[in-house]
Amino acid sequence: MPAPTALITGITGQDGSYLAEYLLSLGYRVVGMTRRSSTDVHERLEHLLEKIELVSGDLLDQNSMTTLIADIRPREVYNLAAQSFVPTSWTQPVLTGEFTGLGVTRMLEAIRHVDSKIRLYQASSSEMFGKAVEVPQSETTPFYPRSPYGVAKVYGHWITVNYRESYDMFACSGILFNHESPRRGKEFVTRKISHGVARIKLGLAKTLPLGNLDAKRDWGFAGDYVKAMWAMLQQDSPDDYVVATGHTHSVRDFARLAFAAVDLDWQDYVTQDPQFMRPAEVDLLIGDPSKAKRVLHWEPETSFEQLVQMMVEADVQRLRVLQAR
């Protein structure tokens, strides 16, 4: 029996690289979609390049998506591609809507026209809850997005539900709460902290400017969360799931643990800078993963403390290697 084929959009990102690793471990043929770019964006995939296939595609172009699906004929599609940095969505709201909202529709249309039996995972986000109307947030919590990114994700989520119900497609949305790793981009606050701590520890910086220290998030490890993505597409019927740890921590908590990991006191180095404040802040997000635990038999395996330690150690090691060159 031939190996099942999975197509991953956004494979060059944090989640895409961990998902590719996991699917390869399960015996999949993994095809990753990337946009044509003049820069090398395969840093997270370097150790996988001989095991996966990379193809060009663009979520902004319907014909590109339809042709890609027709050529590859995947059994599963994991749509992880998006303009995913919330602050950028304020400066590029239209582009964010095109990628993060309408891009989902183009993928759904491509699957519907080529083979409606292909199973789709859509990457939804806890940012859809925004100014959350209840705590914790579950699959039935109303959405109240507080950024153009969150609004675009709500569109992507509901269009996935709409196609599932209208065309009997196996389309699932994973409402993932914040998930981090050493592969997180430096623009995200968790990696900004771990990288900043490493720079201070090695004498390359003296302070770490941050925004809202009181913002609270449900932070987990990306390597754990991709397993839930796969599990959703193995069920008998499609559905949507919150994927989270069920615990919340503040940015201050993250900074405190990160500095403690290198035996420093965070209060000696952290400053608050108004330029890192959002126009409309999301103060508290905490997920209720009970459905994912019950139906998918999924559990987060990495604690918050282990995650912070892992990220700081990885950044210290990276910078030490650079210093040694």
C-alpha atoms as a PDB file:
ATOM      1  CA  MET A   1       0.000   0.000   0.000  1.00  0.00           C
ATOM      2  CA  PRO A   2       1.501   3.373  -1.018  1.00  0.00           C
ATOM      3  CA  ALA A   3       2.355   5.896   1.662  1.00  0.00           C
ATOM      4  CA  PRO A   4      -0.391   8.481   2.236  1.00  0.00           C
ATOM      5  CA  THR A   5       0.391  11.936   0.865  1.00  0.00           C
ATOM      6  CA  ALA A   6      -0.006  15.077   2.950  1.00  0.00           C
ATOM      7  CA  LEU A   7       0.248  18.623   1.603  1.00  0.00           C
ATOM      8  CA  ILE A   8       1.337  21.271   4.113  1.00  0.00           C
ATOM      9  CA  THR A   9       0.959  24.953   3.308  1.00  0.00           C
ATOM     10  CA  GLY A  10       3.158  27.126   5.472  1.00  0.00           C
ATOM     11  CA  ILE A  11       5.659  24.281   5.833  1.00  0.00           C
ATOM     12  CA  THR A  12       8.553  26.702   6.338  1.00  0.00           C
ATOM     13  CA  GLY A  13       6.989  28.018   9.552  1.00  0.00           C
ATOM     14  CA  GLN A  14       7.251  26.718  13.097  1.00  0.00           C
ATOM     15  CA  ASP A  15       4.195  24.466  12.959  1.00  0.00           C
ATOM     16  CA  GLY A  16       4.911  23.304   9.418  1.00  0.00           C
ATOM     17  CA  SER A  17       8.366  22.013  10.326  1.00  0.00           C
ATOM     18  CA  TYR A  18       7.149  20.125  13.404  1.00  0.00           C
ATOM     19  CA  LEU A  19       4.179  18.697  11.490  1.00  0.00           C
ATOM     20  CA  ALA A  20       6.445  17.556   8.647  1.00  0.00           C
ATOM     21  CA  GLU A  21       8.669  15.748  11.152  1.00  0.00           C
ATOM     22  CA  TYR A  22       5.688  14.066  12.768  1.00  0.00           C
ATOM     23  CA  LEU A  23       4.066  12.966   9.506  1.00  0.00           C
ATOM     24  CA  LEU A  24       7.387  11.571   8.245  1.00  0.00           C
ATOM     25  CA  SER A  25       7.644   9.537  11.458  1.00  0.00           C
ATOM     26  CA  LEU A  26       4.219   8.073  10.609  1.00  0.00           C
ATOM     27  CA  GLY A  27       5.321   7.049   7.126  1.00  0.00           C
ATOM     28  CA  TYR A  28       3.733   9.847   5.091  1.00  0.00           C
ATOM     29  CA  ARG A  29       4.904  11.312   1.834  1.00  0.00           C
ATOM     30  CA  VAL A  30       5.158  14.988   2.774  1.00  0.00           C
ATOM     31  CA  VAL A  31       4.784  17.752   0.197  1.00  0.00           C
ATOM     32  CA  GLY A  32       5.261  21.332   1.331  1.00  0.00           C
ATOM     33  CA  MET A  33       3.901  24.392  -0.452  1.00  0.00           C
ATOM     34  CA  THR A  34       6.065  27.508  -0.452  1.00  0.00           C
ATOM     35  CA  ARG A  35       5.759  30.852  -2.192  1.00  0.00           C
ATOM     36  CA  ARG A  36       8.434  31.805  -4.691  1.00  0.00           C
ATOM     37  CA  SER A  37      10.906  33.920  -2.759  1.00  0.00           C
ATOM     38  CA  SER A  38      14.267  35.500  -3.443  1.00  0.00           C
ATOM     39  CA  THR A  39      15.408  34.701   0.090  1.00  0.00           C
ATOM     40  CA  ASP A  40      16.142  31.342   1.695  1.00  0.00           C
ATOM     41  CA  VAL A  41      13.302  30.630   4.124  1.00  0.00           C
ATOM     42  CA  HIS A  42      14.080  26.959   4.716  1.00  0.00           C
ATOM     43  CA  GLU A  43      16.028  27.388   7.960  1.00  0.00           C
ATOM     44  CA  ARG A  44      13.573  25.272   9.986  1.00  0.00           C
ATOM     45  CA  LEU A  45      13.524  22.564   7.297  1.00  0.00           C
ATOM     46  CA  GLU A  46      17.227  22.097   6.588  1.00  0.00           C
ATOM     47  CA  HIS A  47      17.334  18.721   8.359  1.00  0.00           C
ATOM     48  CA  LEU A  48      14.282  17.533   6.374  1.00  0.00           C
ATOM     49  CA  LEU A  49      15.020  18.754   2.836  1.00  0.00           C
ATOM     50  CA  GLU A  50      16.097  15.308   1.594  1.00  0.00           C
ATOM     51  CA  LYS A  51      12.940  13.681   3.009  1.00  0.00           C
ATOM     52  CA  ILE A  52      10.217  16.059   1.811  1.00  0.00           C
ATOM     53  CA  GLU A  53       9.117  17.575  -1.498  1.00  0.00           C
ATOM     54  CA  LEU A  54       8.727  21.322  -1.927  1.00  0.00           C
ATOM     55  CA  VAL A  55       6.438  22.846  -4.551  1.00  0.00           C
ATOM     56  CA  SER A  56       5.538  26.430  -5.398  1.00  0.00           C
ATOM     57  CA  GLY A  57       2.040  27.746  -4.781  1.00  0.00           C
ATOM     58  CA  ASP A  58       0.262  30.911  -3.762  1.00  0.00           C
ATOM     59  CA  LEU A  59      -2.850  31.200  -1.603  1.00  0.00           C
ATOM     60  CA  LEU A  60      -3.611  34.487  -3.362  1.00  0.00           C
ATOM     61  CA  ASP A  61      -4.089  32.710  -6.710  1.00  0.00           C
ATOM     62  CA  GLN A  62      -7.038  30.342  -7.225  1.00  0.00           C
ATOM     63  CA  ASN A  63      -5.591  28.665 -10.321  1.00  0.00           C
ATOM     64  CA  SER A  64      -2.342  27.997  -8.454  1.00  0.00           C
ATOM     65  CA  MET A  65      -4.232  26.188  -5.688  1.00  0.00           C
ATOM     66  CA  THR A  66      -6.429  24.121  -8.005  1.00  0.00           C
ATOM     67  CA  THR A  67      -3.491  23.050 -10.174  1.00  0.00           C
ATOM     68  CA  LEU A  68      -1.451  22.123  -7.104  1.00  0.00           C
ATOM     69  CA  ILE A  69      -4.191  19.947  -5.614  1.00  0.00           C
ATOM     70  CA  ALA A  70      -4.803  18.275  -8.990  1.00  0.00           C
ATOM     71  CA  ASP A  71      -1.095  17.521  -9.466  1.00  0.00           C
ATOM     72  CA  ILE A  72      -0.385  16.195  -5.958  1.00  0.00           C
ATOM     73  CA  ARG A  73      -3.708  14.509  -5.125  1.00  0.00           C
ATOM     74  CA  PRO A  74      -3.029  14.480  -1.371  1.00  0.00           C
ATOM     75  CA  ARG A  75      -5.109  12.482   1.050  1.00  0.00           C
ATOM     76  CA  GLU A  76      -4.748  15.241   3.627  1.00  0.00           C
ATOM     77  CA  VAL A  77      -4.148  18.985   3.398  1.00  0.00           C
ATOM     78  CA  TYR A  78      -2.889  20.992   6.366  1.00  0.00           C
ATOM     79  CA  ASN A  79      -3.500  24.680   5.706  1.00  0.00           C
ATOM     80  CA  LEU A  80      -1.060  26.407   8.036  1.00  0.00           C
ATOM     81  CA  ALA A  81      -0.084  29.298   5.748  1.00  0.00           C
ATOM     82  CA  ALA A  82      -1.186  32.757   6.886  1.00  0.00           C
ATOM     83  CA  GLN A  83       0.020  36.232   7.699  1.00  0.00           C
ATOM     84  CA  SER A  84       0.246  35.171  11.319  1.00  0.00           C
ATOM     85  CA  PHE A  85       1.906  38.023  13.220  1.00  0.00           C
ATOM     86  CA  VAL A  86      -0.820  40.032  14.959  1.00  0.00           C
ATOM     87  CA  PRO A  87       0.977  43.443  15.026  1.00  0.00           C
ATOM     88  CA  THR A  88       1.613  43.218  11.269  1.00  0.00           C
ATOM     89  CA  SER A  89      -2.106  42.721  10.702  1.00  0.00           C
ATOM     90  CA  TRP A  90      -2.624  46.302  11.901  1.00  0.00           C
ATOM     91  CA  THR A  91      -0.236  47.714   9.289  1.00  0.00           C
ATOM     92  CA  GLN A  92      -1.269  45.280   6.523  1.00  0.00           C
ATOM     93  CA  PRO A  93      -4.935  44.500   7.216  1.00  0.00           C
ATOM     94  CA  VAL A  94      -5.944  43.933   3.571  1.00  0.00           C
ATOM     95  CA  LEU A  95      -3.070  41.540   2.864  1.00  0.00           C
ATOM     96  CA  THR A  96      -3.827  39.732   6.122  1.00  0.00           C
ATOM     97  CA  GLY A  97      -7.442  39.300   5.005  1.00  0.00           C
ATOM     98  CA  GLU A  98      -6.352  37.999   1.604  1.00  0.00           C
ATOM     99  CA  PHE A  99      -3.978  35.369   3.016  1.00  0.00           C
ATOM    100  CA  THR A 100      -5.567  34.455   6.317  1.00  0.00           C
ATOM    101  CA  GLY A 101      -9.228  34.693   5.259  1.00  0.00           C
ATOM    102  CA  LEU A 102      -9.740  34.392   1.515  1.00  0.00           C
ATOM    103  CA  GLY A 103      -6.756  32.067   1.155  1.00  0.00           C
ATOM    104  CA  VAL A 104      -8.733  29.450   3.070  1.00  0.00           C
ATOM    105  CA  THR A 105     -11.624  29.810   0.621  1.00  0.00           C
ATOM    106  CA  ARG A 106      -9.293  29.317  -2.341  1.00  0.00           C
ATOM    107  CA  MET A 107      -7.962  26.103  -0.809  1.00  0.00           C
ATOM    108  CA  LEU A 108     -11.468  24.833  -0.074  1.00  0.00           C
ATOM    109  CA  GLU A 109     -12.548  25.632  -3.628  1.00  0.00           C
ATOM    110  CA  ALA A 110      -9.529  23.806  -5.045  1.00  0.00           C
ATOM    111  CA  ILE A 111     -10.304  20.691  -2.997  1.00  0.00           C
ATOM    112  CA  ARG A 112     -14.003  20.845  -3.865  1.00  0.00           C
ATOM    113  CA  HIS A 113     -13.314  21.009  -7.598  1.00  0.00           C
ATOM    114  CA  VAL A 114     -10.535  18.391  -7.701  1.00  0.00           C
ATOM    115  CA  ASP A 115     -11.620  15.817  -5.085  1.00  0.00           C
ATOM    116  CA  SER A 116     -14.032  16.680  -2.298  1.00  0.00           C
ATOM    117  CA  LYS A 117     -12.940  13.560  -0.372  1.00  0.00           C
ATOM    118  CA  ILE A 118      -9.573  15.125   0.445  1.00  0.00           C
ATOM    119  CA  ARG A 119      -9.399  15.893   4.167  1.00  0.00           C
ATOM    120  CA  LEU A 120      -8.543  19.455   5.212  1.00  0.00           C
ATOM    121  CA  TYR A 121      -7.120  20.787   8.454  1.00  0.00           C
ATOM    122  CA  GLN A 122      -7.592  24.540   8.843  1.00  0.00           C
ATOM    123  CA  ALA A 123      -5.423  26.379  11.343  1.00  0.00           C
ATOM    124  CA  SER A 124      -7.817  28.490  13.396  1.00  0.00           C
ATOM    125  CA  SER A 125      -6.592  30.555  16.332  1.00  0.00           C
ATOM    126  CA  SER A 126      -7.373  31.527  19.908  1.00  0.00           C
ATOM    127  CA  GLU A 127      -7.075  35.144  18.691  1.00  0.00           C
ATOM    128  CA  MET A 128     -10.610  34.642  17.324  1.00  0.00           C
ATOM    129  CA  PHE A 129     -11.861  34.809  20.919  1.00  0.00           C
ATOM    130  CA  GLY A 130     -10.080  38.125  21.495  1.00  0.00           C
ATOM    131  CA  LYS A 131     -12.078  39.961  24.154  1.00  0.00           C
ATOM    132  CA  ALA A 132     -13.286  36.652  25.495  1.00  0.00           C
ATOM    133  CA  VAL A 133     -16.869  36.591  26.753  1.00  0.00           C
ATOM    134  CA  GLU A 134     -16.244  33.536  28.959  1.00  0.00           C
ATOM    135  CA  VAL A 135     -13.332  31.817  30.680  1.00  0.00           C
ATOM    136  CA  PRO A 136     -12.050  29.324  29.725  1.00  0.00           C
ATOM    137  CA  GLN A 137     -12.800  29.349  25.994  1.00  0.00           C
ATOM    138  CA  SER A 138     -14.251  26.230  24.350  1.00  0.00           C
ATOM    139  CA  GLU A 139     -15.545  25.274  20.912  1.00  0.00           C
ATOM    140  CA  THR A 140     -18.878  26.962  21.701  1.00  0.00           C
ATOM    141  CA  THR A 141     -17.487  30.260  23.031  1.00  0.00           C
ATOM    142  CA  PRO A 142     -18.575  33.210  20.827  1.00  0.00           C
ATOM    143  CA  PHE A 143     -15.805  34.944  18.893  1.00  0.00           C
ATOM    144  CA  TYR A 144     -14.859  38.563  19.613  1.00  0.00           C
ATOM    145  CA  PRO A 145     -11.639  39.214  17.638  1.00  0.00           C
ATOM    146  CA  ARG A 146      -9.561  42.260  18.556  1.00  0.00           C
ATOM    147  CA  SER A 147      -7.211  42.530  15.570  1.00  0.00           C
ATOM    148  CA  PRO A 148      -7.404  42.294  11.770  1.00  0.00           C
ATOM    149  CA  TYR A 149      -5.622  38.940  12.129  1.00  0.00           C
ATOM    150  CA  GLY A 150      -8.276  37.650  14.528  1.00  0.00           C
ATOM    151  CA  VAL A 151     -11.058  38.873  12.230  1.00  0.00           C
ATOM    152  CA  ALA A 152      -9.475  37.156   9.218  1.00  0.00           C
ATOM    153  CA  LYS A 153      -9.106  33.933  11.196  1.00  0.00           C
ATOM    154  CA  VAL A 154     -12.807  34.058  12.099  1.00  0.00           C
ATOM    155  CA  TYR A 155     -13.640  34.263   8.392  1.00  0.00           C
ATOM    156  CA  GLY A 156     -11.332  31.323   7.646  1.00  0.00           C
ATOM    157  CA  HIS A 157     -12.919  29.328  10.444  1.00  0.00           C
ATOM    158  CA  TRP A 158     -16.530  29.914   9.407  1.00  0.00           C
ATOM    159  CA  ILE A 159     -15.907  29.381   5.697  1.00  0.00           C
ATOM    160  CA  THR A 160     -14.423  26.002   6.635  1.00  0.00           C
ATOM    161  CA  VAL A 161     -17.562  25.145   8.620  1.00  0.00           C
ATOM    162  CA  ASN A 162     -19.701  26.407   5.732  1.00  0.00           C
ATOM    163  CA  TYR A 163     -18.004  24.201   3.121  1.00  0.00           C
ATOM    164  CA  ARG A 164     -18.153  21.215   5.456  1.00  0.00           C
ATOM    165  CA  GLU A 165     -21.891  21.615   5.896  1.00  0.00           C
ATOM    166  CA  SER A 166     -22.682  22.711   2.319  1.00  0.00           C
ATOM    167  CA  TYR A 167     -20.574  20.227   0.371  1.00  0.00           C
ATOM    168  CA  ASP A 168     -20.144  17.349   2.839  1.00  0.00           C
ATOM    169  CA  MET A 169     -16.389  17.906   2.924  1.00  0.00           C
ATOM    170  CA  PHE A 170     -14.104  16.514   5.630  1.00  0.00           C
ATOM    171  CA  ALA A 171     -12.869  19.910   6.824  1.00  0.00           C
ATOM    172  CA  CYS A 172     -11.748  20.490  10.411  1.00  0.00           C
ATOM    173  CA  SER A 173     -10.582  23.588  12.258  1.00  0.00           C
ATOM    174  CA  GLY A 174      -8.110  23.375  15.094  1.00  0.00           C
ATOM    175  CA  ILE A 175      -8.552  26.349  17.409  1.00  0.00           C
ATOM    176  CA  LEU A 176      -5.007  26.344  18.700  1.00  0.00           C
ATOM    177  CA  PHE A 177      -4.000  28.501  21.614  1.00  0.00           C
ATOM    178  CA  ASN A 178      -0.518  29.989  21.718  1.00  0.00           C
ATOM    179  CA  HIS A 179       2.111  27.376  21.003  1.00  0.00           C
ATOM    180  CA  GLU A 180       5.811  28.117  21.033  1.00  0.00           C
ATOM    181  CA  SER A 181       9.172  26.454  20.468  1.00  0.00           C
ATOM    182  CA  PRO A 182      12.821  27.227  19.742  1.00  0.00           C
ATOM    183  CA  ARG A 183      11.665  27.574  16.098  1.00  0.00           C
ATOM    184  CA  ARG A 184       9.302  30.461  16.876  1.00  0.00           C
ATOM    185  CA  GLY A 185       9.987  33.668  14.945  1.00  0.00           C
ATOM    186  CA  LYS A 186      11.847  36.367  16.868  1.00  0.00           C
ATOM    187  CA  GLU A 187       8.974  38.812  16.327  1.00  0.00           C
ATOM    188  CA  PHE A 188       6.779  36.821  18.751  1.00  0.00           C
ATOM    189  CA  VAL A 189       7.040  37.834  22.393  1.00  0.00           C
ATOM    190  CA  THR A 190       8.067  34.408  23.724  1.00  0.00           C
ATOM    191  CA  ARG A 191      11.004  34.090  21.329  1.00  0.00           C
ATOM    192  CA  LYS A 192      11.807  37.770  21.764  1.00  0.00           C
ATOM    193  CA  ILE A 193      12.174  37.036  25.470  1.00  0.00           C
ATOM    194  CA  SER A 194      14.222  33.826  25.138  1.00  0.00           C
ATOM    195  CA  HIS A 195      16.518  35.410  22.530  1.00  0.00           C
ATOM    196  CA  GLY A 196      16.818  38.599  24.577  1.00  0.00           C
ATOM    197  CA  VAL A 197      17.700  36.644  27.703  1.00  0.00           C
ATOM    198  CA  ALA A 198      20.383  34.743  25.800  1.00  0.00           C
ATOM    199  CA  ARG A 199      21.868  38.006  24.486  1.00  0.00           C
ATOM    200  CA  ILE A 200      21.957  39.505  27.983  1.00  0.00           C
ATOM    201  CA  LYS A 201      23.488  36.348  29.479  1.00  0.00           C
ATOM    202  CA  LEU A 202      26.261  36.374  26.878  1.00  0.00           C
ATOM    203  CA  GLY A 203      26.961  40.094  27.266  1.00  0.00           C
ATOM    204  CA  LEU A 204      25.451  41.147  23.942  1.00  0.00           C
ATOM    205  CA  ALA A 205      22.675  43.338  25.409  1.00  0.00           C
ATOM    206  CA  LYS A 206      21.841  45.087  28.661  1.00  0.00           C
ATOM    207  CA  THR A 207      18.045  45.419  28.603  1.00  0.00           C
ATOM    208  CA  LEU A 208      14.969  43.713  27.178  1.00  0.00           C
ATOM    209  CA  PRO A 209      12.154  46.101  26.151  1.00  0.00           C
ATOM    210  CA  LEU A 210       8.676  44.540  26.217  1.00  0.00           C
ATOM    211  CA  GLY A 211       5.055  45.688  25.911  1.00  0.00           C
ATOM    212  CA  ASN A 212       2.168  44.627  28.124  1.00  0.00           C
ATOM    213  CA  LEU A 213       3.579  42.435  30.907  1.00  0.00           C
ATOM    214  CA  ASP A 214       0.117  41.652  32.256  1.00  0.00           C
ATOM    215  CA  ALA A 215      -1.257  39.993  29.081  1.00  0.00           C
ATOM    216  CA  LYS A 216      -2.037  36.349  29.852  1.00  0.00           C
ATOM    217  CA  ARG A 217      -1.868  33.459  27.416  1.00  0.00           C
ATOM    218  CA  ASP A 218      -2.323  29.702  27.368  1.00  0.00           C
ATOM    219  CA  TRP A 219       1.133  28.664  26.147  1.00  0.00           C
ATOM    220  CA  GLY A 220       2.034  25.152  24.965  1.00  0.00           C
ATOM    221  CA  PHE A 221       4.724  23.433  22.886  1.00  0.00           C
ATOM    222  CA  ALA A 222       4.218  23.421  19.108  1.00  0.00           C
ATOM    223  CA  GLY A 223       5.665  19.921  18.820  1.00  0.00           C
ATOM    224  CA  ASP A 224       2.802  18.628  20.979  1.00  0.00           C
ATOM    225  CA  TYR A 225       0.106  20.569  19.130  1.00  0.00           C
ATOM    226  CA  VAL A 226       0.839  19.222  15.637  1.00  0.00           C
ATOM    227  CA  LYS A 227      -0.105  15.760  16.893  1.00  0.00           C
ATOM    228  CA  ALA A 228      -3.617  17.059  17.558  1.00  0.00           C
ATOM    229  CA  MET A 229      -3.800  18.380  13.977  1.00  0.00           C
ATOM    230  CA  TRP A 230      -3.122  14.915  12.607  1.00  0.00           C
ATOM    231  CA  ALA A 231      -5.540  13.259  15.045  1.00  0.00           C
ATOM    232  CA  MET A 232      -8.406  15.484  13.855  1.00  0.00           C
ATOM    233  CA  LEU A 233      -8.089  14.141  10.304  1.00  0.00           C
ATOM    234  CA  GLN A 234      -8.140  10.514  11.489  1.00  0.00           C
ATOM    235  CA  GLN A 235     -11.637  10.702  13.008  1.00  0.00           C
ATOM    236  CA  ASP A 236     -14.773   9.174  11.475  1.00  0.00           C
ATOM    237  CA  SER A 237     -16.390  12.587  11.071  1.00  0.00           C
ATOM    238  CA  PRO A 238     -15.013  16.143  10.821  1.00  0.00           C
ATOM    239  CA  ASP A 239     -15.308  18.579  13.701  1.00  0.00           C
ATOM    240  CA  ASP A 240     -13.599  21.543  15.350  1.00  0.00           C
ATOM    241  CA  TYR A 241     -11.404  21.333  18.443  1.00  0.00           C
ATOM    242  CA  VAL A 242      -9.780  23.673  20.935  1.00  0.00           C
ATOM    243  CA  VAL A 243      -6.149  22.671  21.480  1.00  0.00           C
ATOM    244  CA  ALA A 244      -4.657  24.197  24.629  1.00  0.00           C
ATOM    245  CA  THR A 245      -3.067  23.378  27.982  1.00  0.00           C
ATOM    246  CA  GLY A 246      -5.909  24.764  30.107  1.00  0.00           C
ATOM    247  CA  HIS A 247      -3.421  26.880  32.080  1.00  0.00           C
ATOM    248  CA  THR A 248      -2.606  30.559  31.707  1.00  0.00           C
ATOM    249  CA  HIS A 249       0.531  32.588  32.394  1.00  0.00           C
ATOM    250  CA  SER A 250       1.433  36.253  31.985  1.00  0.00           C
ATOM    251  CA  VAL A 251       4.200  37.730  29.868  1.00  0.00           C
ATOM    252  CA  ARG A 252       5.782  38.645  33.201  1.00  0.00           C
ATOM    253  CA  ASP A 253       5.734  34.952  34.225  1.00  0.00           C
ATOM    254  CA  PHE A 254       7.456  33.993  30.986  1.00  0.00           C
ATOM    255  CA  ALA A 255      10.139  36.648  31.439  1.00  0.00           C
ATOM    256  CA  ARG A 256      10.729  35.705  35.079  1.00  0.00           C
ATOM    257  CA  LEU A 257      11.237  32.015  34.258  1.00  0.00           C
ATOM    258  CA  ALA A 258      13.376  32.795  31.210  1.00  0.00           C
ATOM    259  CA  PHE A 259      15.812  34.927  33.207  1.00  0.00           C
ATOM    260  CA  ALA A 260      15.793  32.407  36.057  1.00  0.00           C
ATOM    261  CA  ALA A 261      16.888  29.747  33.548  1.00  0.00           C
ATOM    262  CA  VAL A 262      20.231  31.585  33.263  1.00  0.00           C
ATOM    263  CA  ASP A 263      20.356  32.623  36.939  1.00  0.00           C
ATOM    264  CA  LEU A 264      19.380  36.262  36.401  1.00  0.00           C
ATOM    265  CA  ASP A 265      16.631  38.442  37.951  1.00  0.00           C
ATOM    266  CA  TRP A 266      14.238  39.661  35.260  1.00  0.00           C
ATOM    267  CA  GLN A 267      13.523  42.920  37.107  1.00  0.00           C
ATOM    268  CA  ASP A 268      17.120  44.028  36.545  1.00  0.00           C
ATOM    269  CA  TYR A 269      16.745  43.925  32.762  1.00  0.00           C
ATOM    270  CA  VAL A 270      13.127  44.214  31.557  1.00  0.00           C
ATOM    271  CA  THR A 271      11.771  47.629  30.544  1.00  0.00           C
ATOM    272  CA  GLN A 272       8.325  48.523  29.220  1.00  0.00           C
ATOM    273  CA  ASP A 273       8.096  50.259  25.846  1.00  0.00           C
ATOM    274  CA  PRO A 274       4.792  51.765  24.614  1.00  0.00           C
ATOM    275  CA  GLN A 275       5.656  50.948  20.971  1.00  0.00           C
ATOM    276  CA  PHE A 276       5.075  47.257  21.739  1.00  0.00           C
ATOM    277  CA  MET A 277       1.528  47.806  22.998  1.00  0.00           C
ATOM    278  CA  ARG A 278      -1.353  46.703  20.724  1.00  0.00           C
ATOM    279  CA  PRO A 279      -4.056  49.214  19.673  1.00  0.00           C
ATOM    280  CA  ALA A 280      -6.638  46.789  21.135  1.00  0.00           C
ATOM    281  CA  GLU A 281      -5.171  44.363  23.636  1.00  0.00           C
ATOM    282  CA  VAL A 282      -6.285  40.800  24.273  1.00  0.00           C
ATOM    283  CA  ASP A 283      -5.866  40.498  28.027  1.00  0.00           C
ATOM    284  CA  LEU A 284      -6.672  36.891  28.911  1.00  0.00           C
ATOM    285  CA  LEU A 285      -6.875  33.737  26.817  1.00  0.00           C
ATOM    286  CA  ILE A 286      -7.183  30.263  28.337  1.00  0.00           C
ATOM    287  CA  GLY A 287      -8.466  27.237  26.471  1.00  0.00           C
ATOM    288  CA  ASP A 288     -10.647  24.312  27.506  1.00  0.00           C
ATOM    289  CA  PRO A 289      -9.096  21.282  25.755  1.00  0.00           C
ATOM    290  CA  SER A 290     -11.494  18.727  27.284  1.00  0.00           C
ATOM    291  CA  LYS A 291     -13.070  17.824  23.919  1.00  0.00           C
ATOM    292  CA  ALA A 292      -9.671  17.208  22.309  1.00  0.00           C
ATOM    293  CA  LYS A 293      -8.674  15.076  25.280  1.00  0.00           C
ATOM    294  CA  ARG A 294     -11.909  13.100  25.172  1.00  0.00           C
ATOM    295  CA  VAL A 295     -12.294  12.577  21.412  1.00  0.00           C
ATOM    296  CA  LEU A 296      -8.740  12.784  20.077  1.00  0.00           C
ATOM    297  CA  HIS A 297      -7.091  11.286  23.175  1.00  0.00           C
ATOM    298  CA  TRP A 298      -4.664  14.186  22.994  1.00  0.00           C
ATOM    299  CA  GLU A 299      -2.750  15.599  25.941  1.00  0.00           C
ATOM    300  CA  PRO A 300      -0.059  18.297  26.084  1.00  0.00           C
ATOM    301  CA  GLU A 301       3.201  16.622  27.031  1.00  0.00           C
ATOM    302  CA  THR A 302       5.421  19.637  27.730  1.00  0.00           C
ATOM    303  CA  SER A 303       4.935  21.892  30.765  1.00  0.00           C
ATOM    304  CA  PHE A 304       5.167  25.688  30.661  1.00  0.00           C
ATOM    305  CA  GLU A 305       8.366  25.557  32.696  1.00  0.00           C
ATOM    306  CA  GLN A 306       9.915  22.982  30.354  1.00  0.00           C
ATOM    307  CA  LEU A 307       8.931  25.076  27.333  1.00  0.00           C
ATOM    308  CA  VAL A 308      10.584  28.242  28.657  1.00  0.00           C
ATOM    309  CA  GLN A 309      13.725  26.321  29.646  1.00  0.00           C
ATOM    310  CA  MET A 310      13.884  24.666  26.211  1.00  0.00           C
ATOM    311  CA  MET A 311      13.615  27.977  24.352  1.00  0.00           C
ATOM    312  CA  VAL A 312      16.207  29.789  26.446  1.00  0.00           C
ATOM    313  CA  GLU A 313      18.705  26.932  26.235  1.00  0.00           C
ATOM    314  CA  ALA A 314      18.297  26.750  22.451  1.00  0.00           C
ATOM    315  CA  ASP A 315      18.907  30.496  22.030  1.00  0.00           C
ATOM    316  CA  VAL A 316      21.934  30.487  24.342  1.00  0.00           C
ATOM    317  CA  GLN A 317      23.387  27.599  22.331  1.00  0.00           C
ATOM    318  CA  ARG A 318      22.687  29.331  19.001  1.00  0.00           C
ATOM    319  CA  LEU A 319      24.421  32.530  20.088  1.00  0.00           C
ATOM    320  CA  ARG A 320      27.389  30.660  21.554  1.00  0.00           C
ATOM    321  CA  VAL A 321      27.922  28.950  18.204  1.00  0.00           C
ATOM    322  CA  LEU A 322      27.787  32.318  16.417  1.00  0.00           C
ATOM    323  CA  GLN A 323      30.227  33.831  18.915  1.00  0.00           C
ATOM    324  CA  ALA A 324      32.656  30.955  18.384  1.00  0.00           C
ATOM    325  CA  ARG A 325      32.852  31.522  14.630  1.00  0.00           C
END
